[in-house]
C-alpha atoms as a PDB file:
ATOM      1  CA  MET A   1       0.000   0.000   0.000  1.00  0.00           C
ATOM      2  CA  GLU A   2       2.917   2.332   0.707  1.00  0.00           C
ATOM      3  CA  SER A   3       4.110   1.912  -2.866  1.00  0.00           C
ATOM      4  CA  PHE A   4       0.687   2.857  -4.210  1.00  0.00           C
ATOM      5  CA  TRP A   5       0.541   6.149  -2.281  1.00  0.00           C
ATOM      6  CA  GLY A   6       4.077   6.955  -3.329  1.00  0.00           C
ATOM      7  CA  SER A   7       3.166   6.517  -6.980  1.00  0.00           C
ATOM      8  CA  VAL A   8       0.037   8.662  -6.512  1.00  0.00           C
ATOM      9  CA  ASN A   9       2.110  11.421  -4.912  1.00  0.00           C
ATOM     10  CA  LEU A  10       4.621  11.223  -7.744  1.00  0.00           C
ATOM     11  CA  MET A  11       1.818  11.372 -10.303  1.00  0.00           C
ATOM     12  CA  LEU A  12       0.301  14.470  -8.667  1.00  0.00           C
ATOM     13  CA  PHE A  13       3.707  16.151  -8.463  1.00  0.00           C
ATOM     14  CA  VAL A  14       4.431  15.490 -12.138  1.00  0.00           C
ATOM     15  CA  TYR A  15       0.952  16.729 -13.105  1.00  0.00           C
ATOM     16  CA  ALA A  16       1.401  19.923 -11.083  1.00  0.00           C
ATOM     17  CA  LEU A  17       4.871  20.471 -12.529  1.00  0.00           C
ATOM     18  CA  ALA A  18       3.548  20.002 -16.074  1.00  0.00           C
ATOM     19  CA  ALA A  19       0.744  22.489 -15.383  1.00  0.00           C
ATOM     20  CA  VAL A  20       3.189  25.096 -14.060  1.00  0.00           C
ATOM     21  CA  VAL A  21       5.520  24.670 -17.045  1.00  0.00           C
ATOM     22  CA  SER A  22       2.560  24.852 -19.443  1.00  0.00           C
ATOM     23  CA  PHE A  23       1.278  28.091 -17.916  1.00  0.00           C
ATOM     24  CA  ALA A  24       4.784  29.586 -17.943  1.00  0.00           C
ATOM     25  CA  VAL A  25       5.255  28.775 -21.637  1.00  0.00           C
ATOM     26  CA  ALA A  26       1.800  30.164 -22.469  1.00  0.00           C
ATOM     27  CA  TRP A  27       2.639  33.375 -20.578  1.00  0.00           C
ATOM     28  CA  ILE A  28       5.934  33.756 -22.454  1.00  0.00           C
ATOM     29  CA  ILE A  29       4.191  33.248 -25.805  1.00  0.00           C
ATOM     30  CA  LYS A  30       1.550  35.791 -24.814  1.00  0.00           C
ATOM     31  CA  LEU A  31       4.277  38.330 -23.974  1.00  0.00           C
ATOM     32  CA  ILE A  32       5.994  37.713 -27.308  1.00  0.00           C
ATOM     33  CA  PHE A  33       2.785  38.369 -29.230  1.00  0.00           C
ATOM     34  CA  ALA A  34       2.050  41.462 -27.123  1.00  0.00           C
ATOM     35  CA  GLY A  35       5.519  42.782 -27.942  1.00  0.00           C
ATOM     36  CA  ILE A  36       4.993  42.162 -31.644  1.00  0.00           C
ATOM     37  CA  ARG A  37       1.623  43.939 -31.521  1.00  0.00           C
ATOM     38  CA  LEU A  38       3.190  46.868 -29.641  1.00  0.00           C
ATOM     39  CA  GLN A  39       5.970  47.186 -32.221  1.00  0.00           C
ATOM     40  CA  GLY A  40       3.377  47.267 -35.005  1.00  0.00           C
ATOM     41  CA  THR A  41       1.380  49.935 -33.217  1.00  0.00           C
ATOM     42  CA  LEU A  42       4.467  52.056 -32.578  1.00  0.00           C
ATOM     43  CA  SER A  43       5.701  51.802 -36.156  1.00  0.00           C
ATOM     44  CA  GLY A  44       2.225  52.708 -37.430  1.00  0.00           C
ATOM     45  CA  ALA A  45       2.123  55.740 -35.158  1.00  0.00           C
ATOM     46  CA  ARG A  46       5.590  56.803 -36.307  1.00  0.00           C
ATOM     47  CA  ALA A  47       4.610  56.476 -39.973  1.00  0.00           C
ATOM     48  CA  GLU A  48       1.413  58.436 -39.357  1.00  0.00           C
ATOM     49  CA  ALA A  49       3.293  61.208 -37.548  1.00  0.00           C
ATOM     50  CA  LYS A  50       5.883  61.346 -40.314  1.00  0.00           C
ATOM     51  CA  ALA A  51       3.176  61.575 -42.992  1.00  0.00           C
ATOM     52  CA  LYS A  52       1.331  64.237 -41.029  1.00  0.00           C
ATOM     53  CA  SER A  53       4.431  66.399 -40.538  1.00  0.00           C
ATOM     54  CA  ALA A  54       5.340  66.099 -44.227  1.00  0.00           C
ATOM     55  CA  SER A  55       1.854  67.183 -45.317  1.00  0.00           C
ATOM     56  CA  GLU A  56       1.804  70.344 -43.195  1.00  0.00           C
ATOM     57  CA  PRO A  57       2.775  73.546 -45.036  1.00  0.00           C
ATOM     58  CA  GLY A  58       6.249  74.746 -44.258  1.00  0.00           C
ATOM     59  CA  ASN A  59       7.453  71.322 -43.212  1.00  0.00           C
ATOM     60  CA  ALA A  60       7.774  69.850 -46.686  1.00  0.00           C
ATOM     61  CA  PRO A  61      11.330  68.971 -47.683  1.00  0.00           C
ATOM     62  CA  LEU A  62      12.974  71.420 -50.032  1.00  0.00           C
ATOM     63  CA  GLU A  63      13.123  70.369 -53.642  1.00  0.00           C
ATOM     64  CA  ARG A  64      16.487  70.410 -55.327  1.00  0.00           C
ATOM     65  CA  LYS A  65      16.612  72.231 -58.621  1.00  0.00           C
ATOM     66  CA  ALA A  66      19.082  70.939 -61.137  1.00  0.00           C
END
């Protein structure tokens, strides 16, 4: 009977360890995707600001005349 309870305890420990590792990996993947989404948002905002500043009068780049 002692052997049975030992195997049950081992099984529960391995199950709990697998659950913790699974949640940790899921959290890391979630952070990676959040970082990618943030980079996309920031680059979109930069492009929009650049386009807006170029379209305002007086901020247009000077044209070179040859």
